[in-house]
């Protein structure tokens, strides 16, 4: 998990999700997380069972994407920030 957190700092939705999920336009973050959780479950089962097809780099890139998507989902969007009132942002209008 430590490696995934470090790798998430260079995570790119467009580049990495396309490679992992295998299609053009990335899904919304919540949908991507659900798909990634399914993939992670599959590769973790391979790992636990000693499956010869298990690839640790694939597992790590899925974990990196999960951390990256979770951060993306948790981060406020520009639109949300611009919609804050001065009281919400801690600023006040001068009288």
Foldseek 3Di string as FASTA:
>chain_A
DVLLVVLLVVDDCQPLVCVLVVDHDGDQLVVSLVVLVVVLVVLVVCVVVVPPPRDVVSNSSSSNSNVNSVVVVPDDDPVVVVPDDCVRVVHDDDD
